PDB file of N, CA and C in Angstrom:
ATOM      1  N   MET A   1      16.597   0.564 -15.076  1.00  0.00           N
ATOM      2  CA  MET A   1      15.238   0.503 -14.585  1.00  0.00           C
ATOM      3  C   MET A   1      15.129  -0.632 -13.585  1.00  0.00           C
ATOM      4  N   TYR A   2      14.278  -0.451 -12.662  1.00  0.00           N
ATOM      5  CA  TYR A   2      14.040  -1.511 -11.704  1.00  0.00           C
ATOM      6  C   TYR A   2      12.570  -1.521 -11.316  1.00  0.00           C
ATOM      7  N   MET A   3      12.135  -2.653 -10.944  1.00  0.00           N
ATOM      8  CA  MET A   3      10.781  -2.806 -10.422  1.00  0.00           C
ATOM      9  C   MET A   3      10.769  -4.146  -9.722  1.00  0.00           C
ATOM     10  N   PHE A   4      10.310  -4.163  -8.509  1.00  0.00           N
ATOM     11  CA  PHE A   4      10.272  -5.407  -7.769  1.00  0.00           C
ATOM     12  C   PHE A   4       8.956  -6.110  -8.067  1.00  0.00           C
ATOM     13  N   PRO A   5       9.011  -7.229  -8.780  1.00  0.00           N
ATOM     14  CA  PRO A   5       7.761  -7.909  -9.138  1.00  0.00           C
ATOM     15  C   PRO A   5       7.210  -8.730  -7.974  1.00  0.00           C
ATOM     16  N   TYR A   6       5.936  -8.634  -7.779  1.00  0.00           N
ATOM     17  CA  TYR A   6       5.256  -9.461  -6.788  1.00  0.00           C
ATOM     18  C   TYR A   6       4.322 -10.400  -7.517  1.00  0.00           C
ATOM     19  N   ARG A   7       4.325 -11.633  -7.118  1.00  0.00           N
ATOM     20  CA  ARG A   7       3.335 -12.588  -7.617  1.00  0.00           C
ATOM     21  C   ARG A   7       2.327 -12.763  -6.495  1.00  0.00           C
ATOM     22  N   CYS A   8       1.081 -12.604  -6.824  1.00  0.00           N
ATOM     23  CA  CYS A   8       0.074 -12.727  -5.792  1.00  0.00           C
ATOM     24  C   CYS A   8      -1.124 -13.490  -6.328  1.00  0.00           C
ATOM     25  N   GLN A   9      -1.916 -13.965  -5.433  1.00  0.00           N
ATOM     26  CA  GLN A   9      -3.144 -14.656  -5.788  1.00  0.00           C
ATOM     27  C   GLN A   9      -4.280 -13.914  -5.115  1.00  0.00           C
ATOM     28  N   VAL A  10      -5.215 -13.462  -5.933  1.00  0.00           N
ATOM     29  CA  VAL A  10      -6.360 -12.720  -5.407  1.00  0.00           C
ATOM     30  C   VAL A  10      -7.420 -13.728  -4.986  1.00  0.00           C
ATOM     31  N   THR A  11      -7.921 -13.564  -3.797  1.00  0.00           N
ATOM     32  CA  THR A  11      -8.983 -14.447  -3.307  1.00  0.00           C
ATOM     33  C   THR A  11     -10.194 -13.617  -2.927  1.00  0.00           C
ATOM     34  N   GLY A  12     -11.345 -14.241  -2.913  1.00  0.00           N
ATOM     35  CA  GLY A  12     -12.557 -13.556  -2.496  1.00  0.00           C
ATOM     36  C   GLY A  12     -13.112 -12.609  -3.542  1.00  0.00           C
ATOM     37  N   ALA A  13     -12.691 -12.743  -4.808  1.00  0.00           N
ATOM     38  CA  ALA A  13     -13.191 -11.854  -5.862  1.00  0.00           C
ATOM     39  C   ALA A  13     -14.679 -12.067  -6.073  1.00  0.00           C
ATOM     40  N   THR A  14     -15.383 -10.995  -6.363  1.00  0.00           N
ATOM     41  CA  THR A  14     -16.820 -11.096  -6.625  1.00  0.00           C
ATOM     42  C   THR A  14     -17.131 -10.890  -8.103  1.00  0.00           C
ATOM     43  N   ALA A  15     -16.137 -10.664  -8.927  1.00  0.00           N
ATOM     44  CA  ALA A  15     -16.329 -10.483 -10.369  1.00  0.00           C
ATOM     45  C   ALA A  15     -15.281 -11.296 -11.120  1.00  0.00           C
ATOM     46  N   THR A  16     -15.512 -11.523 -12.385  1.00  0.00           N
ATOM     47  CA  THR A  16     -14.586 -12.334 -13.188  1.00  0.00           C
ATOM     48  C   THR A  16     -14.003 -11.542 -14.347  1.00  0.00           C
ATOM     49  N   HIS A  17     -14.044 -10.224 -14.270  1.00  0.00           N
ATOM     50  CA  HIS A  17     -13.508  -9.393 -15.344  1.00  0.00           C
ATOM     51  C   HIS A  17     -11.995  -9.566 -15.415  1.00  0.00           C
ATOM     52  N   SER A  18     -11.469  -9.700 -16.623  1.00  0.00           N
ATOM     53  CA  SER A  18     -10.024  -9.807 -16.766  1.00  0.00           C
ATOM     54  C   SER A  18      -9.416  -8.410 -16.892  1.00  0.00           C
ATOM     55  N   VAL A  19      -8.162  -8.311 -16.542  1.00  0.00           N
ATOM     56  CA  VAL A  19      -7.429  -7.058 -16.675  1.00  0.00           C
ATOM     57  C   VAL A  19      -6.914  -6.990 -18.101  1.00  0.00           C
ATOM     58  N   GLY A  20      -7.072  -5.858 -18.740  1.00  0.00           N
ATOM     59  CA  GLY A  20      -6.616  -5.702 -20.116  1.00  0.00           C
ATOM     60  C   GLY A  20      -5.100  -5.664 -20.217  1.00  0.00           C
ATOM     61  N   THR A  21      -4.616  -5.685 -21.441  1.00  0.00           N
ATOM     62  CA  THR A  21      -3.185  -5.602 -21.714  1.00  0.00           C
ATOM     63  C   THR A  21      -2.741  -4.146 -21.608  1.00  0.00           C
ATOM     64  N   ALA A  22      -1.700  -3.900 -20.849  1.00  0.00           N
ATOM     65  CA  ALA A  22      -1.203  -2.536 -20.649  1.00  0.00           C
ATOM     66  C   ALA A  22      -0.639  -1.976 -21.953  1.00  0.00           C
ATOM     67  N   GLN A  23      -0.954  -0.706 -22.209  1.00  0.00           N
ATOM     68  CA  GLN A  23      -0.474   0.009 -23.390  1.00  0.00           C
ATOM     69  C   GLN A  23       0.444   1.143 -22.946  1.00  0.00           C
ATOM     70  N   PRO A  24       1.356   1.583 -23.826  1.00  0.00           N
ATOM     71  CA  PRO A  24       2.217   2.712 -23.456  1.00  0.00           C
ATOM     72  C   PRO A  24       1.394   3.971 -23.219  1.00  0.00           C
ATOM     73  N   PRO A  25       1.740   4.763 -22.217  1.00  0.00           N
ATOM     74  CA  PRO A  25       1.037   6.027 -22.004  1.00  0.00           C
ATOM     75  C   PRO A  25       1.444   7.026 -23.092  1.00  0.00           C
ATOM     76  N   VAL A  26       0.605   8.022 -23.328  1.00  0.00           N
ATOM     77  CA  VAL A  26       0.923   9.094 -24.274  1.00  0.00           C
ATOM     78  C   VAL A  26       0.664  10.431 -23.593  1.00  0.00           C
ATOM     79  N   TRP A  27       1.388  11.452 -24.016  1.00  0.00           N
ATOM     80  CA  TRP A  27       1.189  12.790 -23.475  1.00  0.00           C
ATOM     81  C   TRP A  27      -0.176  13.273 -23.941  1.00  0.00           C
ATOM     82  N   CYS A  28      -1.042  13.637 -23.025  1.00  0.00           N
ATOM     83  CA  CYS A  28      -2.399  14.050 -23.393  1.00  0.00           C
ATOM     84  C   CYS A  28      -2.882  15.227 -22.552  1.00  0.00           C
ATOM     85  N   GLU A  29      -1.965  16.069 -22.115  1.00  0.00           N
ATOM     86  CA  GLU A  29      -2.339  17.235 -21.309  1.00  0.00           C
ATOM     87  C   GLU A  29      -3.383  18.068 -22.045  1.00  0.00           C
ATOM     88  N   ASN A  30      -4.476  18.383 -21.374  1.00  0.00           N
ATOM     89  CA  ASN A  30      -5.569  19.184 -21.923  1.00  0.00           C
ATOM     90  C   ASN A  30      -6.264  18.537 -23.121  1.00  0.00           C
ATOM     91  N   ASP A  31      -6.115  17.225 -23.293  1.00  0.00           N
ATOM     92  CA  ASP A  31      -6.781  16.497 -24.375  1.00  0.00           C
ATOM     93  C   ASP A  31      -7.106  15.098 -23.885  1.00  0.00           C
ATOM     94  N   GLU A  32      -8.094  14.991 -23.004  1.00  0.00           N
ATOM     95  CA  GLU A  32      -8.421  13.698 -22.393  1.00  0.00           C
ATOM     96  C   GLU A  32      -8.737  12.633 -23.434  1.00  0.00           C
ATOM     97  N   ALA A  33      -9.295  13.024 -24.582  1.00  0.00           N
ATOM     98  CA  ALA A  33      -9.627  12.063 -25.634  1.00  0.00           C
ATOM     99  C   ALA A  33      -8.364  11.432 -26.227  1.00  0.00           C
ATOM    100  N   GLY A  34      -7.218  12.108 -26.106  1.00  0.00           N
ATOM    101  CA  GLY A  34      -5.971  11.583 -26.644  1.00  0.00           C
ATOM    102  C   GLY A  34      -5.214  10.678 -25.688  1.00  0.00           C
ATOM    103  N   CYS A  35      -5.739  10.499 -24.471  1.00  0.00           N
ATOM    104  CA  CYS A  35      -5.063   9.667 -23.465  1.00  0.00           C
ATOM    105  C   CYS A  35      -5.217   8.181 -23.771  1.00  0.00           C
ATOM    106  N   THR A  36      -4.251   7.406 -23.360  1.00  0.00           N
ATOM    107  CA  THR A  36      -4.381   5.960 -23.380  1.00  0.00           C
ATOM    108  C   THR A  36      -5.370   5.591 -22.291  1.00  0.00           C
ATOM    109  N   SER A  37      -6.412   4.861 -22.655  1.00  0.00           N
ATOM    110  CA  SER A  37      -7.383   4.471 -21.636  1.00  0.00           C
ATOM    111  C   SER A  37      -7.084   3.056 -21.165  1.00  0.00           C
ATOM    112  N   GLY A  38      -7.539   2.747 -19.973  1.00  0.00           N
ATOM    113  CA  GLY A  38      -7.325   1.410 -19.429  1.00  0.00           C
ATOM    114  C   GLY A  38      -5.928   1.241 -18.861  1.00  0.00           C
ATOM    115  N   PRO A  39      -5.477  -0.016 -18.765  1.00  0.00           N
ATOM    116  CA  PRO A  39      -4.162  -0.289 -18.168  1.00  0.00           C
ATOM    117  C   PRO A  39      -3.029   0.363 -18.959  1.00  0.00           C
ATOM    118  N   LYS A  40      -2.085   0.941 -18.233  1.00  0.00           N
ATOM    119  CA  LYS A  40      -0.938   1.586 -18.865  1.00  0.00           C
ATOM    120  C   LYS A  40       0.363   0.937 -18.400  1.00  0.00           C
ATOM    121  N   GLN A  41       1.346   0.939 -19.284  1.00  0.00           N
ATOM    122  CA  GLN A  41       2.672   0.433 -18.948  1.00  0.00           C
ATOM    123  C   GLN A  41       3.389   1.430 -18.045  1.00  0.00           C
ATOM    124  N   MET A  42       4.458   0.951 -17.420  1.00  0.00           N
ATOM    125  CA  MET A  42       5.356   1.867 -16.709  1.00  0.00           C
ATOM    126  C   MET A  42       5.931   2.845 -17.721  1.00  0.00           C
ATOM    127  N   VAL A  43       6.328   4.022 -17.272  1.00  0.00           N
ATOM    128  CA  VAL A  43       6.930   5.019 -18.147  1.00  0.00           C
ATOM    129  C   VAL A  43       8.426   4.721 -18.267  1.00  0.00           C
ATOM    130  N   PHE A  44       8.885   4.500 -19.499  1.00  0.00           N
ATOM    131  CA  PHE A  44      10.309   4.315 -19.778  1.00  0.00           C
ATOM    132  C   PHE A  44      10.732   5.472 -20.677  1.00  0.00           C
ATOM    133  N   TRP A  45      11.529   6.378 -20.146  1.00  0.00           N
ATOM    134  CA  TRP A  45      11.890   7.613 -20.842  1.00  0.00           C
ATOM    135  C   TRP A  45      13.342   7.943 -20.550  1.00  0.00           C
ATOM    136  N   HIS A  46      14.037   8.443 -21.535  1.00  0.00           N
ATOM    137  CA  HIS A  46      15.443   8.814 -21.422  1.00  0.00           C
ATOM    138  C   HIS A  46      16.340   7.605 -21.129  1.00  0.00           C
ATOM    139  N   GLN A  47      15.968   6.456 -21.652  1.00  0.00           N
ATOM    140  CA  GLN A  47      16.799   5.262 -21.527  1.00  0.00           C
ATOM    141  C   GLN A  47      17.649   5.144 -22.783  1.00  0.00           C
ATOM    142  N   LEU A  48      18.723   4.379 -22.728  1.00  0.00           N
ATOM    143  CA  LEU A  48      19.552   4.152 -23.900  1.00  0.00           C
ATOM    144  C   LEU A  48      18.717   3.507 -25.002  1.00  0.00           C
ATOM    145  N   ASP A  49      17.869   2.573 -24.615  1.00  0.00           N
ATOM    146  CA  ASP A  49      16.920   1.970 -25.549  1.00  0.00           C
ATOM    147  C   ASP A  49      15.702   1.500 -24.774  1.00  0.00           C
ATOM    148  N   GLY A  50      14.638   1.201 -25.469  1.00  0.00           N
ATOM    149  CA  GLY A  50      13.443   0.698 -24.824  1.00  0.00           C
ATOM    150  C   GLY A  50      12.464   1.752 -24.331  1.00  0.00           C
ATOM    151  N   ASN A  51      12.646   3.018 -24.744  1.00  0.00           N
ATOM    152  CA  ASN A  51      11.690   4.053 -24.342  1.00  0.00           C
ATOM    153  C   ASN A  51      10.302   3.711 -24.877  1.00  0.00           C
ATOM    154  N   ASN A  52       9.265   4.004 -24.104  1.00  0.00           N
ATOM    155  CA  ASN A  52       7.910   3.804 -24.609  1.00  0.00           C
ATOM    156  C   ASN A  52       7.142   5.124 -24.689  1.00  0.00           C
ATOM    157  N   ILE A  53       7.836   6.240 -24.505  1.00  0.00           N
ATOM    158  CA  ILE A  53       7.226   7.561 -24.673  1.00  0.00           C
ATOM    159  C   ILE A  53       8.303   8.536 -25.127  1.00  0.00           C
ATOM    160  N   GLU A  54       7.916   9.402 -26.040  1.00  0.00           N
ATOM    161  CA  GLU A  54       8.797  10.472 -26.506  1.00  0.00           C
ATOM    162  C   GLU A  54       8.020  11.771 -26.365  1.00  0.00           C
ATOM    163  N   VAL A  55       8.617  12.767 -25.759  1.00  0.00           N
ATOM    164  CA  VAL A  55       7.988  14.077 -25.623  1.00  0.00           C
ATOM    165  C   VAL A  55       8.996  15.145 -25.995  1.00  0.00           C
ATOM    166  N   GLU A  56       8.479  16.251 -26.502  1.00  0.00           N
ATOM    167  CA  GLU A  56       9.332  17.404 -26.796  1.00  0.00           C
ATOM    168  C   GLU A  56       8.502  18.659 -26.640  1.00  0.00           C
ATOM    169  N   GLY A  57       9.158  19.763 -26.473  1.00  0.00           N
ATOM    170  CA  GLY A  57       8.453  21.027 -26.298  1.00  0.00           C
ATOM    171  C   GLY A  57       8.115  21.292 -24.842  1.00  0.00           C
ATOM    172  N   ASN A  58       7.182  22.209 -24.645  1.00  0.00           N
ATOM    173  CA  ASN A  58       6.802  22.640 -23.305  1.00  0.00           C
ATOM    174  C   ASN A  58       5.389  22.204 -22.975  1.00  0.00           C
ATOM    175  N   ASP A  59       5.117  22.069 -21.681  1.00  0.00           N
ATOM    176  CA  ASP A  59       3.756  21.748 -21.238  1.00  0.00           C
ATOM    177  C   ASP A  59       2.942  23.039 -21.158  1.00  0.00           C
ATOM    178  N   ALA A  60       1.704  22.932 -20.723  1.00  0.00           N
ATOM    179  CA  ALA A  60       0.804  24.083 -20.673  1.00  0.00           C
ATOM    180  C   ALA A  60       1.299  25.199 -19.756  1.00  0.00           C
ATOM    181  N   SER A  61       2.147  24.861 -18.773  1.00  0.00           N
ATOM    182  CA  SER A  61       2.664  25.899 -17.862  1.00  0.00           C
ATOM    183  C   SER A  61       3.944  26.540 -18.392  1.00  0.00           C
ATOM    184  N   GLY A  62       4.422  26.075 -19.557  1.00  0.00           N
ATOM    185  CA  GLY A  62       5.634  26.639 -20.144  1.00  0.00           C
ATOM    186  C   GLY A  62       6.910  25.916 -19.769  1.00  0.00           C
ATOM    187  N   GLN A  63       6.809  24.880 -18.952  1.00  0.00           N
ATOM    188  CA  GLN A  63       7.972  24.104 -18.531  1.00  0.00           C
ATOM    189  C   GLN A  63       8.242  22.985 -19.542  1.00  0.00           C
ATOM    190  N   PRO A  64       9.498  22.548 -19.673  1.00  0.00           N
ATOM    191  CA  PRO A  64       9.773  21.422 -20.572  1.00  0.00           C
ATOM    192  C   PRO A  64       8.956  20.190 -20.166  1.00  0.00           C
ATOM    193  N   LYS A  65       8.422  19.494 -21.157  1.00  0.00           N
ATOM    194  CA  LYS A  65       7.628  18.296 -20.863  1.00  0.00           C
ATOM    195  C   LYS A  65       8.498  17.252 -20.179  1.00  0.00           C
ATOM    196  N   SER A  66       7.971  16.671 -19.141  1.00  0.00           N
ATOM    197  CA  SER A  66       8.640  15.625 -18.380  1.00  0.00           C
ATOM    198  C   SER A  66       7.581  14.623 -17.959  1.00  0.00           C
ATOM    199  N   PRO A  67       7.551  13.448 -18.591  1.00  0.00           N
ATOM    200  CA  PRO A  67       6.492  12.484 -18.286  1.00  0.00           C
ATOM    201  C   PRO A  67       6.535  12.019 -16.840  1.00  0.00           C
ATOM    202  N   GLY A  68       5.377  11.912 -16.253  1.00  0.00           N
ATOM    203  CA  GLY A  68       5.251  11.431 -14.883  1.00  0.00           C
ATOM    204  C   GLY A  68       3.932  10.697 -14.727  1.00  0.00           C
ATOM    205  N   TYR A  69       3.734  10.104 -13.591  1.00  0.00           N
ATOM    206  CA  TYR A  69       2.508   9.354 -13.328  1.00  0.00           C
ATOM    207  C   TYR A  69       1.436  10.322 -12.844  1.00  0.00           C
ATOM    208  N   ASN A  70       0.926  11.119 -13.779  1.00  0.00           N
ATOM    209  CA  ASN A  70      -0.091  12.118 -13.446  1.00  0.00           C
ATOM    210  C   ASN A  70      -1.076  12.225 -14.602  1.00  0.00           C
ATOM    211  N   GLU A  71      -1.998  13.172 -14.506  1.00  0.00           N
ATOM    212  CA  GLU A  71      -3.049  13.284 -15.515  1.00  0.00           C
ATOM    213  C   GLU A  71      -2.537  13.755 -16.868  1.00  0.00           C
ATOM    214  N   LYS A  72      -1.330  14.303 -16.935  1.00  0.00           N
ATOM    215  CA  LYS A  72      -0.762  14.685 -18.231  1.00  0.00           C
ATOM    216  C   LYS A  72      -0.495  13.463 -19.103  1.00  0.00           C
ATOM    217  N   LEU A  73      -0.392  12.291 -18.470  1.00  0.00           N
ATOM    218  CA  LEU A  73      -0.231  11.032 -19.198  1.00  0.00           C
ATOM    219  C   LEU A  73      -1.461  10.136 -19.040  1.00  0.00           C
ATOM    220  N   GLY A  74      -2.529  10.675 -18.498  1.00  0.00           N
ATOM    221  CA  GLY A  74      -3.753   9.906 -18.371  1.00  0.00           C
ATOM    222  C   GLY A  74      -3.849   9.056 -17.118  1.00  0.00           C
ATOM    223  N   PHE A  75      -2.928   9.209 -16.179  1.00  0.00           N
ATOM    224  CA  PHE A  75      -3.023   8.504 -14.903  1.00  0.00           C
ATOM    225  C   PHE A  75      -3.911   9.335 -13.988  1.00  0.00           C
ATOM    226  N   LYS A  76      -5.067   8.824 -13.663  1.00  0.00           N
ATOM    227  CA  LYS A  76      -6.045   9.568 -12.866  1.00  0.00           C
ATOM    228  C   LYS A  76      -5.691   9.544 -11.383  1.00  0.00           C
ATOM    229  N   THR A  77      -6.037  10.625 -10.703  1.00  0.00           N
ATOM    230  CA  THR A  77      -5.865  10.698  -9.257  1.00  0.00           C
ATOM    231  C   THR A  77      -6.947   9.866  -8.597  1.00  0.00           C
ATOM    232  N   GLY A  78      -6.591   9.037  -7.655  1.00  0.00           N
ATOM    233  CA  GLY A  78      -7.575   8.220  -6.957  1.00  0.00           C
ATOM    234  C   GLY A  78      -8.413   9.042  -6.011  1.00  0.00           C
ATOM    235  N   LYS A  79      -9.532   8.502  -5.643  1.00  0.00           N
ATOM    236  CA  LYS A  79     -10.424   9.193  -4.707  1.00  0.00           C
ATOM    237  C   LYS A  79     -10.288   8.553  -3.340  1.00  0.00           C
ATOM    238  N   ARG A  80     -10.322   9.373  -2.326  1.00  0.00           N
ATOM    239  CA  ARG A  80     -10.294   8.863  -0.946  1.00  0.00           C
ATOM    240  C   ARG A  80     -11.708   8.618  -0.500  1.00  0.00           C
ATOM    241  N   SER A  81     -11.882   7.563   0.287  1.00  0.00           N
ATOM    242  CA  SER A  81     -13.231   7.302   0.783  1.00  0.00           C
ATOM    243  C   SER A  81     -13.346   7.665   2.244  1.00  0.00           C
TER     244      SER A  81
END
């Protein structure tokens, strides 16, 4: 696994809300109530160790479940302005 970490300092903020602690995503296709809400961790799947999601079976389209950064794991599509 790799991820390039950036350290940054946010300036000009108009609110003081803190960011919550990221939780592992869960498969929640067609069950929005079962999704992890709020901040989510990166998806770690099919690793020798350290997986944070396990899936089995098929998705709603009949294909084998394969976790991705989409609404099946509760990652919402952003809106364009």
